[in-house]
PDB file of N, CA and C in Angstrom:
ATOM      1  N   MET A   1      14.051 -29.215  83.683  1.00  0.00           N
ATOM      2  CA  MET A   1      12.674 -29.625  83.778  1.00  0.00           C
ATOM      3  C   MET A   1      12.650 -31.060  84.293  1.00  0.00           C
ATOM      4  N   LYS A   2      11.714 -31.319  85.165  1.00  0.00           N
ATOM      5  CA  LYS A   2      11.543 -32.663  85.703  1.00  0.00           C
ATOM      6  C   LYS A   2      10.576 -33.455  84.820  1.00  0.00           C
ATOM      7  N   LEU A   3      10.659 -34.770  84.915  1.00  0.00           N
ATOM      8  CA  LEU A   3       9.789 -35.642  84.142  1.00  0.00           C
ATOM      9  C   LEU A   3       8.318 -35.297  84.377  1.00  0.00           C
ATOM     10  N   SER A   4       7.932 -35.135  85.627  1.00  0.00           N
ATOM     11  CA  SER A   4       6.531 -34.832  85.945  1.00  0.00           C
ATOM     12  C   SER A   4       6.103 -33.490  85.356  1.00  0.00           C
ATOM     13  N   GLU A   5       6.996 -32.510  85.332  1.00  0.00           N
ATOM     14  CA  GLU A   5       6.681 -31.196  84.752  1.00  0.00           C
ATOM     15  C   GLU A   5       6.466 -31.306  83.249  1.00  0.00           C
ATOM     16  N   ALA A   6       7.286 -32.093  82.592  1.00  0.00           N
ATOM     17  CA  ALA A   6       7.136 -32.276  81.143  1.00  0.00           C
ATOM     18  C   ALA A   6       5.798 -32.925  80.817  1.00  0.00           C
ATOM     19  N   ILE A   7       5.440 -33.962  81.576  1.00  0.00           N
ATOM     20  CA  ILE A   7       4.173 -34.651  81.345  1.00  0.00           C
ATOM     21  C   ILE A   7       2.998 -33.706  81.603  1.00  0.00           C
ATOM     22  N   GLU A   8       3.071 -32.898  82.661  1.00  0.00           N
ATOM     23  CA  GLU A   8       1.993 -31.952  82.970  1.00  0.00           C
ATOM     24  C   GLU A   8       1.864 -30.888  81.884  1.00  0.00           C
ATOM     25  N   GLN A   9       2.986 -30.416  81.349  1.00  0.00           N
ATOM     26  CA  GLN A   9       2.926 -29.436  80.254  1.00  0.00           C
ATOM     27  C   GLN A   9       2.266 -30.031  79.027  1.00  0.00           C
ATOM     28  N   VAL A  10       2.603 -31.262  78.706  1.00  0.00           N
ATOM     29  CA  VAL A  10       1.978 -31.926  77.558  1.00  0.00           C
ATOM     30  C   VAL A  10       0.475 -32.026  77.777  1.00  0.00           C
ATOM     31  N   LYS A  11       0.079 -32.428  78.973  1.00  0.00           N
ATOM     32  CA  LYS A  11      -1.353 -32.575  79.262  1.00  0.00           C
ATOM     33  C   LYS A  11      -2.103 -31.245  79.142  1.00  0.00           C
ATOM     34  N   LYS A  12      -1.464 -30.150  79.552  1.00  0.00           N
ATOM     35  CA  LYS A  12      -2.101 -28.831  79.468  1.00  0.00           C
ATOM     36  C   LYS A  12      -2.188 -28.338  78.028  1.00  0.00           C
ATOM     37  N   LEU A  13      -1.103 -28.514  77.293  1.00  0.00           N
ATOM     38  CA  LEU A  13      -1.041 -27.980  75.935  1.00  0.00           C
ATOM     39  C   LEU A  13      -1.649 -28.901  74.891  1.00  0.00           C
ATOM     40  N   LYS A  14      -1.672 -30.196  75.178  1.00  0.00           N
ATOM     41  CA  LYS A  14      -2.176 -31.182  74.232  1.00  0.00           C
ATOM     42  C   LYS A  14      -3.033 -32.187  74.991  1.00  0.00           C
ATOM     43  N   PRO A  15      -4.259 -31.795  75.370  1.00  0.00           N
ATOM     44  CA  PRO A  15      -5.112 -32.727  76.107  1.00  0.00           C
ATOM     45  C   PRO A  15      -5.242 -34.055  75.353  1.00  0.00           C
ATOM     46  N   ASN A  16      -5.132 -35.152  76.113  1.00  0.00           N
ATOM     47  CA  ASN A  16      -5.144 -36.477  75.487  1.00  0.00           C
ATOM     48  C   ASN A  16      -5.614 -37.512  76.493  1.00  0.00           C
ATOM     49  N   ALA A  17      -5.871 -38.704  76.006  1.00  0.00           N
ATOM     50  CA  ALA A  17      -6.360 -39.791  76.858  1.00  0.00           C
ATOM     51  C   ALA A  17      -5.254 -40.770  77.239  1.00  0.00           C
ATOM     52  N   TYR A  18      -4.008 -40.459  76.896  1.00  0.00           N
ATOM     53  CA  TYR A  18      -2.907 -41.368  77.187  1.00  0.00           C
ATOM     54  C   TYR A  18      -2.559 -41.355  78.670  1.00  0.00           C
ATOM     55  N   THR A  19      -2.118 -42.498  79.177  1.00  0.00           N
ATOM     56  CA  THR A  19      -1.715 -42.595  80.580  1.00  0.00           C
ATOM     57  C   THR A  19      -0.350 -41.937  80.772  1.00  0.00           C
ATOM     58  N   ASP A  20      -0.024 -41.654  82.026  1.00  0.00           N
ATOM     59  CA  ASP A  20       1.292 -41.095  82.331  1.00  0.00           C
ATOM     60  C   ASP A  20       2.405 -42.053  81.925  1.00  0.00           C
ATOM     61  N   ASP A  21       2.170 -43.346  82.077  1.00  0.00           N
ATOM     62  CA  ASP A  21       3.171 -44.336  81.665  1.00  0.00           C
ATOM     63  C   ASP A  21       3.411 -44.287  80.156  1.00  0.00           C
ATOM     64  N   THR A  22       2.345 -44.124  79.381  1.00  0.00           N
ATOM     65  CA  THR A  22       2.483 -44.048  77.923  1.00  0.00           C
ATOM     66  C   THR A  22       3.198 -42.767  77.517  1.00  0.00           C
ATOM     67  N   LEU A  23       2.857 -41.652  78.144  1.00  0.00           N
ATOM     68  CA  LEU A  23       3.533 -40.390  77.842  1.00  0.00           C
ATOM     69  C   LEU A  23       5.006 -40.471  78.219  1.00  0.00           C
ATOM     70  N   THR A  24       5.306 -41.155  79.306  1.00  0.00           N
ATOM     71  CA  THR A  24       6.707 -41.354  79.706  1.00  0.00           C
ATOM     72  C   THR A  24       7.438 -42.198  78.672  1.00  0.00           C
ATOM     73  N   MET A  25       6.781 -43.209  78.135  1.00  0.00           N
ATOM     74  CA  MET A  25       7.389 -44.040  77.088  1.00  0.00           C
ATOM     75  C   MET A  25       7.737 -43.176  75.873  1.00  0.00           C
ATOM     76  N   LEU A  26       6.832 -42.280  75.479  1.00  0.00           N
ATOM     77  CA  LEU A  26       7.096 -41.400  74.341  1.00  0.00           C
ATOM     78  C   LEU A  26       8.247 -40.449  74.652  1.00  0.00           C
ATOM     79  N   LEU A  27       8.277 -39.936  75.867  1.00  0.00           N
ATOM     80  CA  LEU A  27       9.354 -39.042  76.278  1.00  0.00           C
ATOM     81  C   LEU A  27      10.693 -39.782  76.292  1.00  0.00           C
ATOM     82  N   ASN A  28      10.666 -41.052  76.683  1.00  0.00           N
ATOM     83  CA  ASN A  28      11.891 -41.860  76.682  1.00  0.00           C
ATOM     84  C   ASN A  28      12.478 -42.011  75.280  1.00  0.00           C
ATOM     85  N   GLN A  29      11.625 -42.013  74.264  1.00  0.00           N
ATOM     86  CA  GLN A  29      12.126 -42.096  72.886  1.00  0.00           C
ATOM     87  C   GLN A  29      13.011 -40.901  72.576  1.00  0.00           C
ATOM     88  N   PHE A  30      12.561 -39.716  72.985  1.00  0.00           N
ATOM     89  CA  PHE A  30      13.367 -38.519  72.746  1.00  0.00           C
ATOM     90  C   PHE A  30      14.631 -38.529  73.611  1.00  0.00           C
ATOM     91  N   GLU A  31      14.496 -38.918  74.869  1.00  0.00           N
ATOM     92  CA  GLU A  31      15.672 -38.976  75.739  1.00  0.00           C
ATOM     93  C   GLU A  31      16.724 -39.930  75.175  1.00  0.00           C
ATOM     94  N   ALA A  32      16.296 -41.033  74.574  1.00  0.00           N
ATOM     95  CA  ALA A  32      17.240 -41.971  73.972  1.00  0.00           C
ATOM     96  C   ALA A  32      17.983 -41.315  72.809  1.00  0.00           C
ATOM     97  N   MET A  33      17.276 -40.481  72.035  1.00  0.00           N
ATOM     98  CA  MET A  33      17.942 -39.759  70.940  1.00  0.00           C
ATOM     99  C   MET A  33      19.004 -38.816  71.500  1.00  0.00           C
ATOM    100  N   VAL A  34      18.673 -38.107  72.553  1.00  0.00           N
ATOM    101  CA  VAL A  34      19.629 -37.172  73.158  1.00  0.00           C
ATOM    102  C   VAL A  34      20.848 -37.938  73.657  1.00  0.00           C
ATOM    103  N   GLN A  35      20.610 -39.027  74.341  1.00  0.00           N
ATOM    104  CA  GLN A  35      21.721 -39.795  74.902  1.00  0.00           C
ATOM    105  C   GLN A  35      22.630 -40.365  73.824  1.00  0.00           C
ATOM    106  N   SER A  36      22.057 -40.878  72.749  1.00  0.00           N
ATOM    107  CA  SER A  36      22.887 -41.508  71.720  1.00  0.00           C
ATOM    108  C   SER A  36      23.440 -40.504  70.717  1.00  0.00           C
ATOM    109  N   GLU A  37      22.646 -39.539  70.277  1.00  0.00           N
ATOM    110  CA  GLU A  37      23.095 -38.612  69.232  1.00  0.00           C
ATOM    111  C   GLU A  37      23.912 -37.441  69.769  1.00  0.00           C
ATOM    112  N   VAL A  38      23.521 -36.893  70.896  1.00  0.00           N
ATOM    113  CA  VAL A  38      24.185 -35.699  71.419  1.00  0.00           C
ATOM    114  C   VAL A  38      25.265 -36.069  72.423  1.00  0.00           C
ATOM    115  N   LEU A  39      24.911 -36.875  73.406  1.00  0.00           N
ATOM    116  CA  LEU A  39      25.864 -37.238  74.448  1.00  0.00           C
ATOM    117  C   LEU A  39      26.735 -38.433  74.066  1.00  0.00           C
ATOM    118  N   ARG A  40      26.377 -39.104  72.971  1.00  0.00           N
ATOM    119  CA  ARG A  40      27.129 -40.228  72.400  1.00  0.00           C
ATOM    120  C   ARG A  40      27.352 -41.373  73.381  1.00  0.00           C
ATOM    121  N   LYS A  41      26.316 -41.668  74.138  1.00  0.00           N
ATOM    122  CA  LYS A  41      26.378 -42.803  75.055  1.00  0.00           C
ATOM    123  C   LYS A  41      26.003 -44.064  74.297  1.00  0.00           C
ATOM    124  N   GLU A  42      26.688 -45.143  74.612  1.00  0.00           N
ATOM    125  CA  GLU A  42      26.379 -46.405  73.947  1.00  0.00           C
ATOM    126  C   GLU A  42      25.194 -47.099  74.596  1.00  0.00           C
ATOM    127  N   GLU A  43      25.077 -46.968  75.898  1.00  0.00           N
ATOM    128  CA  GLU A  43      23.936 -47.541  76.603  1.00  0.00           C
ATOM    129  C   GLU A  43      23.065 -46.394  77.096  1.00  0.00           C
ATOM    130  N   VAL A  44      21.798 -46.468  76.779  1.00  0.00           N
ATOM    131  CA  VAL A  44      20.887 -45.413  77.195  1.00  0.00           C
ATOM    132  C   VAL A  44      20.001 -45.909  78.335  1.00  0.00           C
ATOM    133  N   PHE A  45      19.589 -44.988  79.167  1.00  0.00           N
ATOM    134  CA  PHE A  45      18.680 -45.329  80.252  1.00  0.00           C
ATOM    135  C   PHE A  45      17.312 -44.749  79.929  1.00  0.00           C
ATOM    136  N   SER A  46      16.313 -45.222  80.604  1.00  0.00           N
ATOM    137  CA  SER A  46      14.969 -44.694  80.409  1.00  0.00           C
ATOM    138  C   SER A  46      14.325 -44.467  81.770  1.00  0.00           C
ATOM    139  N   TYR A  47      13.291 -43.652  81.765  1.00  0.00           N
ATOM    140  CA  TYR A  47      12.591 -43.298  82.988  1.00  0.00           C
ATOM    141  C   TYR A  47      11.378 -44.192  83.191  1.00  0.00           C
ATOM    142  N   ASN A  48      11.031 -44.371  84.437  1.00  0.00           N
ATOM    143  CA  ASN A  48       9.814 -45.062  84.830  1.00  0.00           C
ATOM    144  C   ASN A  48       8.952 -44.033  85.546  1.00  0.00           C
ATOM    145  N   TRP A  49       7.709 -43.876  85.108  1.00  0.00           N
ATOM    146  CA  TRP A  49       6.861 -42.813  85.647  1.00  0.00           C
ATOM    147  C   TRP A  49       6.737 -42.884  87.170  1.00  0.00           C
ATOM    148  N   LYS A  50       6.485 -44.047  87.708  1.00  0.00           N
ATOM    149  CA  LYS A  50       6.248 -44.175  89.155  1.00  0.00           C
ATOM    150  C   LYS A  50       7.495 -43.871  89.978  1.00  0.00           C
ATOM    151  N   GLU A  51       8.652 -44.221  89.465  1.00  0.00           N
ATOM    152  CA  GLU A  51       9.894 -44.062  90.223  1.00  0.00           C
ATOM    153  C   GLU A  51      10.628 -42.762  89.918  1.00  0.00           C
ATOM    154  N   ASP A  52      10.494 -42.249  88.705  1.00  0.00           N
ATOM    155  CA  ASP A  52      11.348 -41.147  88.260  1.00  0.00           C
ATOM    156  C   ASP A  52      10.623 -39.828  88.008  1.00  0.00           C
ATOM    157  N   GLY A  53       9.428 -39.658  88.520  1.00  0.00           N
ATOM    158  CA  GLY A  53       8.665 -38.442  88.268  1.00  0.00           C
ATOM    159  C   GLY A  53       9.385 -37.161  88.650  1.00  0.00           C
ATOM    160  N   ASN A  54      10.240 -37.226  89.670  1.00  0.00           N
ATOM    161  CA  ASN A  54      10.958 -36.028  90.119  1.00  0.00           C
ATOM    162  C   ASN A  54      12.378 -35.920  89.576  1.00  0.00           C
ATOM    163  N   ARG A  55      12.755 -36.804  88.668  1.00  0.00           N
ATOM    164  CA  ARG A  55      14.100 -36.726  88.072  1.00  0.00           C
ATOM    165  C   ARG A  55      14.179 -35.615  87.057  1.00  0.00           C
ATOM    166  N   THR A  56      15.294 -34.942  87.032  1.00  0.00           N
ATOM    167  CA  THR A  56      15.532 -33.869  86.070  1.00  0.00           C
ATOM    168  C   THR A  56      15.931 -34.478  84.734  1.00  0.00           C
ATOM    169  N   LEU A  57      15.306 -33.997  83.682  1.00  0.00           N
ATOM    170  CA  LEU A  57      15.582 -34.481  82.325  1.00  0.00           C
ATOM    171  C   LEU A  57      16.896 -33.893  81.819  1.00  0.00           C
ATOM    172  N   LEU A  58      17.417 -34.442  80.746  1.00  0.00           N
ATOM    173  CA  LEU A  58      18.751 -34.080  80.257  1.00  0.00           C
ATOM    174  C   LEU A  58      18.821 -32.734  79.547  1.00  0.00           C
ATOM    175  N   VAL A  59      17.799 -32.381  78.797  1.00  0.00           N
ATOM    176  CA  VAL A  59      17.849 -31.163  77.986  1.00  0.00           C
ATOM    177  C   VAL A  59      17.485 -29.967  78.864  1.00  0.00           C
ATOM    178  N   PRO A  60      18.404 -28.980  78.977  1.00  0.00           N
ATOM    179  CA  PRO A  60      18.157 -27.835  79.860  1.00  0.00           C
ATOM    180  C   PRO A  60      17.250 -26.782  79.216  1.00  0.00           C
ATOM    181  N   SER A  61      16.783 -25.880  80.053  1.00  0.00           N
ATOM    182  CA  SER A  61      16.021 -24.727  79.570  1.00  0.00           C
ATOM    183  C   SER A  61      16.979 -23.825  78.800  1.00  0.00           C
ATOM    184  N   PRO A  62      16.592 -23.180  77.774  1.00  0.00           N
ATOM    185  CA  PRO A  62      15.283 -23.016  77.166  1.00  0.00           C
ATOM    186  C   PRO A  62      14.966 -24.090  76.122  1.00  0.00           C
ATOM    187  N   TYR A  63      15.834 -25.073  75.973  1.00  0.00           N
ATOM    188  CA  TYR A  63      15.664 -26.090  74.938  1.00  0.00           C
ATOM    189  C   TYR A  63      14.723 -27.213  75.366  1.00  0.00           C
ATOM    190  N   ASP A  64      14.296 -27.205  76.609  1.00  0.00           N
ATOM    191  CA  ASP A  64      13.435 -28.280  77.110  1.00  0.00           C
ATOM    192  C   ASP A  64      12.041 -28.275  76.484  1.00  0.00           C
ATOM    193  N   ILE A  65      11.703 -27.284  75.697  1.00  0.00           N
ATOM    194  CA  ILE A  65      10.453 -27.281  74.938  1.00  0.00           C
ATOM    195  C   ILE A  65      10.427 -28.468  73.964  1.00  0.00           C
ATOM    196  N   CYS A  66      11.589 -29.011  73.668  1.00  0.00           N
ATOM    197  CA  CYS A  66      11.680 -30.197  72.794  1.00  0.00           C
ATOM    198  C   CYS A  66      10.823 -31.340  73.316  1.00  0.00           C
ATOM    199  N   TYR A  67      10.776 -31.516  74.630  1.00  0.00           N
ATOM    200  CA  TYR A  67       9.996 -32.609  75.203  1.00  0.00           C
ATOM    201  C   TYR A  67       8.520 -32.480  74.839  1.00  0.00           C
ATOM    202  N   VAL A  68       7.976 -31.291  75.021  1.00  0.00           N
ATOM    203  CA  VAL A  68       6.557 -31.062  74.745  1.00  0.00           C
ATOM    204  C   VAL A  68       6.272 -31.226  73.256  1.00  0.00           C
ATOM    205  N   CYS A  69       7.130 -30.671  72.419  1.00  0.00           N
ATOM    206  CA  CYS A  69       6.926 -30.773  70.968  1.00  0.00           C
ATOM    207  C   CYS A  69       6.990 -32.223  70.498  1.00  0.00           C
ATOM    208  N   TYR A  70       7.973 -32.969  70.997  1.00  0.00           N
ATOM    209  CA  TYR A  70       8.130 -34.356  70.548  1.00  0.00           C
ATOM    210  C   TYR A  70       6.951 -35.214  70.999  1.00  0.00           C
ATOM    211  N   VAL A  71       6.595 -35.140  72.262  1.00  0.00           N
ATOM    212  CA  VAL A  71       5.497 -35.965  72.769  1.00  0.00           C
ATOM    213  C   VAL A  71       4.184 -35.567  72.099  1.00  0.00           C
ATOM    214  N   SER A  72       3.971 -34.262  71.887  1.00  0.00           N
ATOM    215  CA  SER A  72       2.764 -33.804  71.193  1.00  0.00           C
ATOM    216  C   SER A  72       2.714 -34.355  69.777  1.00  0.00           C
ATOM    217  N   ALA A  73       3.853 -34.356  69.099  1.00  0.00           N
ATOM    218  CA  ALA A  73       3.907 -34.896  67.738  1.00  0.00           C
ATOM    219  C   ALA A  73       3.582 -36.385  67.730  1.00  0.00           C
ATOM    220  N   MET A  74       4.111 -37.124  68.696  1.00  0.00           N
ATOM    221  CA  MET A  74       3.852 -38.555  68.751  1.00  0.00           C
ATOM    222  C   MET A  74       2.382 -38.848  69.076  1.00  0.00           C
ATOM    223  N   ILE A  75       1.773 -38.009  69.900  1.00  0.00           N
ATOM    224  CA  ILE A  75       0.338 -38.158  70.179  1.00  0.00           C
ATOM    225  C   ILE A  75      -0.442 -37.971  68.883  1.00  0.00           C
ATOM    226  N   ASP A  76      -0.115 -36.901  68.147  1.00  0.00           N
ATOM    227  CA  ASP A  76      -0.802 -36.649  66.872  1.00  0.00           C
ATOM    228  C   ASP A  76      -0.593 -37.805  65.897  1.00  0.00           C
ATOM    229  N   PHE A  77       0.626 -38.306  65.816  1.00  0.00           N
ATOM    230  CA  PHE A  77       0.917 -39.404  64.902  1.00  0.00           C
ATOM    231  C   PHE A  77       0.088 -40.642  65.262  1.00  0.00           C
ATOM    232  N   ASN A  78       0.079 -40.995  66.534  1.00  0.00           N
ATOM    233  CA  ASN A  78      -0.664 -42.175  66.969  1.00  0.00           C
ATOM    234  C   ASN A  78      -2.170 -42.009  66.826  1.00  0.00           C
ATOM    235  N   ASN A  79      -2.638 -40.763  66.862  1.00  0.00           N
ATOM    236  CA  ASN A  79      -4.064 -40.486  66.668  1.00  0.00           C
ATOM    237  C   ASN A  79      -4.405 -40.252  65.193  1.00  0.00           C
ATOM    238  N   GLN A  80      -3.421 -40.426  64.332  1.00  0.00           N
ATOM    239  CA  GLN A  80      -3.577 -40.234  62.889  1.00  0.00           C
ATOM    240  C   GLN A  80      -4.020 -38.807  62.539  1.00  0.00           C
ATOM    241  N   GLU A  81      -3.515 -37.848  63.303  1.00  0.00           N
ATOM    242  CA  GLU A  81      -3.747 -36.430  63.036  1.00  0.00           C
ATOM    243  C   GLU A  81      -2.466 -35.893  62.391  1.00  0.00           C
ATOM    244  N   TYR A  82      -2.323 -36.154  61.107  1.00  0.00           N
ATOM    245  CA  TYR A  82      -1.046 -35.944  60.437  1.00  0.00           C
ATOM    246  C   TYR A  82      -0.684 -34.481  60.219  1.00  0.00           C
ATOM    247  N   ALA A  83      -1.647 -33.595  60.091  1.00  0.00           N
ATOM    248  CA  ALA A  83      -1.326 -32.170  59.961  1.00  0.00           C
ATOM    249  C   ALA A  83      -0.727 -31.658  61.268  1.00  0.00           C
ATOM    250  N   GLY A  84      -1.320 -32.030  62.398  1.00  0.00           N
ATOM    251  CA  GLY A  84      -0.777 -31.644  63.699  1.00  0.00           C
ATOM    252  C   GLY A  84       0.592 -32.257  63.930  1.00  0.00           C
ATOM    253  N   TYR A  85       0.735 -33.515  63.502  1.00  0.00           N
ATOM    254  CA  TYR A  85       2.031 -34.183  63.614  1.00  0.00           C
ATOM    255  C   TYR A  85       3.105 -33.415  62.853  1.00  0.00           C
ATOM    256  N   ALA A  86       2.799 -33.030  61.623  1.00  0.00           N
ATOM    257  CA  ALA A  86       3.770 -32.308  60.801  1.00  0.00           C
ATOM    258  C   ALA A  86       4.157 -30.979  61.450  1.00  0.00           C
ATOM    259  N   ASN A  87       3.182 -30.260  61.977  1.00  0.00           N
ATOM    260  CA  ASN A  87       3.469 -28.973  62.628  1.00  0.00           C
ATOM    261  C   ASN A  87       4.332 -29.164  63.866  1.00  0.00           C
ATOM    262  N   ASN A  88       3.958 -30.136  64.701  1.00  0.00           N
ATOM    263  CA  ASN A  88       4.734 -30.368  65.919  1.00  0.00           C
ATOM    264  C   ASN A  88       6.137 -30.871  65.618  1.00  0.00           C
ATOM    265  N   MET A  89       6.284 -31.709  64.593  1.00  0.00           N
ATOM    266  CA  MET A  89       7.613 -32.197  64.240  1.00  0.00           C
ATOM    267  C   MET A  89       8.486 -31.085  63.672  1.00  0.00           C
ATOM    268  N   GLU A  90       7.881 -30.170  62.940  1.00  0.00           N
ATOM    269  CA  GLU A  90       8.654 -29.037  62.431  1.00  0.00           C
ATOM    270  C   GLU A  90       9.173 -28.187  63.587  1.00  0.00           C
ATOM    271  N   MET A  91       8.298 -27.925  64.555  1.00  0.00           N
ATOM    272  CA  MET A  91       8.739 -27.179  65.743  1.00  0.00           C
ATOM    273  C   MET A  91       9.805 -27.959  66.504  1.00  0.00           C
ATOM    274  N   PHE A  92       9.568 -29.259  66.688  1.00  0.00           N
ATOM    275  CA  PHE A  92      10.535 -30.091  67.398  1.00  0.00           C
ATOM    276  C   PHE A  92      11.891 -30.058  66.708  1.00  0.00           C
ATOM    277  N   ASN A  93      11.913 -30.250  65.392  1.00  0.00           N
ATOM    278  CA  ASN A  93      13.177 -30.274  64.658  1.00  0.00           C
ATOM    279  C   ASN A  93      13.925 -28.956  64.786  1.00  0.00           C
ATOM    280  N   THR A  94      13.204 -27.848  64.791  1.00  0.00           N
ATOM    281  CA  THR A  94      13.840 -26.536  64.951  1.00  0.00           C
ATOM    282  C   THR A  94      14.480 -26.417  66.327  1.00  0.00           C
ATOM    283  N   TYR A  95      13.723 -26.729  67.373  1.00  0.00           N
ATOM    284  CA  TYR A  95      14.257 -26.620  68.738  1.00  0.00           C
ATOM    285  C   TYR A  95      15.364 -27.638  68.996  1.00  0.00           C
ATOM    286  N   TYR A  96      15.201 -28.845  68.483  1.00  0.00           N
ATOM    287  CA  TYR A  96      16.216 -29.876  68.691  1.00  0.00           C
ATOM    288  C   TYR A  96      17.520 -29.510  67.986  1.00  0.00           C
ATOM    289  N   SER A  97      17.417 -28.937  66.816  1.00  0.00           N
ATOM    290  CA  SER A  97      18.608 -28.483  66.092  1.00  0.00           C
ATOM    291  C   SER A  97      19.351 -27.410  66.897  1.00  0.00           C
ATOM    292  N   GLU A  98      18.601 -26.485  67.468  1.00  0.00           N
ATOM    293  CA  GLU A  98      19.220 -25.438  68.289  1.00  0.00           C
ATOM    294  C   GLU A  98      19.876 -26.041  69.537  1.00  0.00           C
ATOM    295  N   TYR A  99      19.218 -27.011  70.141  1.00  0.00           N
ATOM    296  CA  TYR A  99      19.801 -27.663  71.311  1.00  0.00           C
ATOM    297  C   TYR A  99      21.094 -28.384  70.939  1.00  0.00           C
ATOM    298  N   ARG A 100      21.094 -29.079  69.816  1.00  0.00           N
ATOM    299  CA  ARG A 100      22.303 -29.795  69.400  1.00  0.00           C
ATOM    300  C   ARG A 100      23.467 -28.832  69.167  1.00  0.00           C
ATOM    301  N   LYS A 101      23.181 -27.680  68.566  1.00  0.00           N
ATOM    302  CA  LYS A 101      24.233 -26.670  68.371  1.00  0.00           C
ATOM    303  C   LYS A 101      24.766 -26.182  69.709  1.00  0.00           C
ATOM    304  N   PHE A 102      23.846 -25.912  70.634  1.00  0.00           N
ATOM    305  CA  PHE A 102      24.237 -25.469  71.975  1.00  0.00           C
ATOM    306  C   PHE A 102      25.118 -26.524  72.650  1.00  0.00           C
ATOM    307  N   ALA A 103      24.691 -27.778  72.605  1.00  0.00           N
ATOM    308  CA  ALA A 103      25.433 -28.856  73.253  1.00  0.00           C
ATOM    309  C   ALA A 103      26.824 -29.016  72.635  1.00  0.00           C
ATOM    310  N   GLN A 104      26.904 -28.876  71.324  1.00  0.00           N
ATOM    311  CA  GLN A 104      28.199 -28.997  70.656  1.00  0.00           C
ATOM    312  C   GLN A 104      29.129 -27.853  71.075  1.00  0.00           C
ATOM    313  N   ARG A 105      28.590 -26.626  71.132  1.00  0.00           N
ATOM    314  CA  ARG A 105      29.404 -25.487  71.580  1.00  0.00           C
ATOM    315  C   ARG A 105      29.863 -25.685  73.013  1.00  0.00           C
ATOM    316  N   LYS A 106      28.980 -26.161  73.869  1.00  0.00           N
ATOM    317  CA  LYS A 106      29.325 -26.375  75.274  1.00  0.00           C
ATOM    318  C   LYS A 106      30.414 -27.432  75.413  1.00  0.00           C
ATOM    319  N   MET A 107      30.309 -28.514  74.651  1.00  0.00           N
ATOM    320  CA  MET A 107      31.331 -29.563  74.713  1.00  0.00           C
ATOM    321  C   MET A 107      32.677 -29.030  74.230  1.00  0.00           C
ATOM    322  N   MET A 108      32.665 -28.219  73.168  1.00  0.00           N
ATOM    323  CA  MET A 108      33.916 -27.641  72.660  1.00  0.00           C
ATOM    324  C   MET A 108      34.511 -26.680  73.691  1.00  0.00           C
ATOM    325  N   ASP A 109      33.675 -25.872  74.323  1.00  0.00           N
ATOM    326  CA  ASP A 109      34.168 -24.962  75.359  1.00  0.00           C
ATOM    327  C   ASP A 109      34.795 -25.746  76.504  1.00  0.00           C
ATOM    328  N   ASP A 110      34.160 -26.843  76.900  1.00  0.00           N
ATOM    329  CA  ASP A 110      34.707 -27.678  77.972  1.00  0.00           C
ATOM    330  C   ASP A 110      36.052 -28.282  77.579  1.00  0.00           C
ATOM    331  N   LEU A 111      36.175 -28.696  76.325  1.00  0.00           N
ATOM    332  CA  LEU A 111      37.441 -29.268  75.859  1.00  0.00           C
ATOM    333  C   LEU A 111      38.545 -28.224  75.813  1.00  0.00           C
ATOM    334  N   LEU A 112      38.210 -27.006  75.420  1.00  0.00           N
ATOM    335  CA  LEU A 112      39.210 -25.951  75.313  1.00  0.00           C
ATOM    336  C   LEU A 112      39.723 -25.498  76.674  1.00  0.00           C
ATOM    337  N   GLN A 113      38.981 -25.736  77.716  1.00  0.00           N
ATOM    338  CA  GLN A 113      39.400 -25.311  79.039  1.00  0.00           C
ATOM    339  C   GLN A 113      40.254 -26.337  79.752  1.00  0.00           C
ATOM    340  N   VAL A 114      40.491 -27.480  79.127  1.00  0.00           N
ATOM    341  CA  VAL A 114      41.328 -28.498  79.716  1.00  0.00           C
ATOM    342  C   VAL A 114      42.774 -28.020  79.617  1.00  0.00           C
ATOM    343  N   LYS A 115      43.486 -28.061  80.723  1.00  0.00           N
ATOM    344  CA  LYS A 115      44.881 -27.628  80.748  1.00  0.00           C
ATOM    345  C   LYS A 115      45.769 -28.814  81.073  1.00  0.00           C
ATOM    346  N   VAL A 116      46.844 -28.920  80.356  1.00  0.00           N
ATOM    347  CA  VAL A 116      47.795 -30.001  80.585  1.00  0.00           C
ATOM    348  C   VAL A 116      48.923 -29.458  81.434  1.00  0.00           C
ATOM    349  N   LYS A 117      49.220 -30.135  82.539  1.00  0.00           N
ATOM    350  CA  LYS A 117      50.306 -29.722  83.416  1.00  0.00           C
ATOM    351  C   LYS A 117      51.427 -30.756  83.315  1.00  0.00           C
ATOM    352  N   ASN A 118      52.622 -30.280  83.518  1.00  0.00           N
ATOM    353  CA  ASN A 118      53.810 -31.129  83.536  1.00  0.00           C
ATOM    354  C   ASN A 118      53.917 -31.957  82.251  1.00  0.00           C
ATOM    355  N   TYR A 119      53.725 -31.289  81.129  1.00  0.00           N
ATOM    356  CA  TYR A 119      53.790 -31.992  79.857  1.00  0.00           C
ATOM    357  C   TYR A 119      55.192 -32.496  79.578  1.00  0.00           C
ATOM    358  N   PHE A 120      56.203 -31.682  79.888  1.00  0.00           N
ATOM    359  CA  PHE A 120      57.589 -32.093  79.648  1.00  0.00           C
ATOM    360  C   PHE A 120      58.266 -32.540  80.900  1.00  0.00           C
TER     361      PHE A 120
END
């Protein structure tokens, strides 16, 4: 999913008055979690709406629903709509947990396929 697609999905599913730059800032919060917790990067990068609208986000399909759930939850939180926030965070946590399991399995599969040549 591209950054612009994620923002458009949020706008369709969770109509709001936030600017694209603000929605990108919220999306960057989740991307930072992915980079540090899942990919274990020490330095994280963030997107800029004007420059990075066509960049592909890190979390692949079908787990990319995490973006919509997280940004929707943050919109609810900032609007003090705490019941909606709780529902969206529950959905987000479920999908994010599944993504983390997938990423861990993929990393283990990649490690197991490494072959050592000329060991002796």
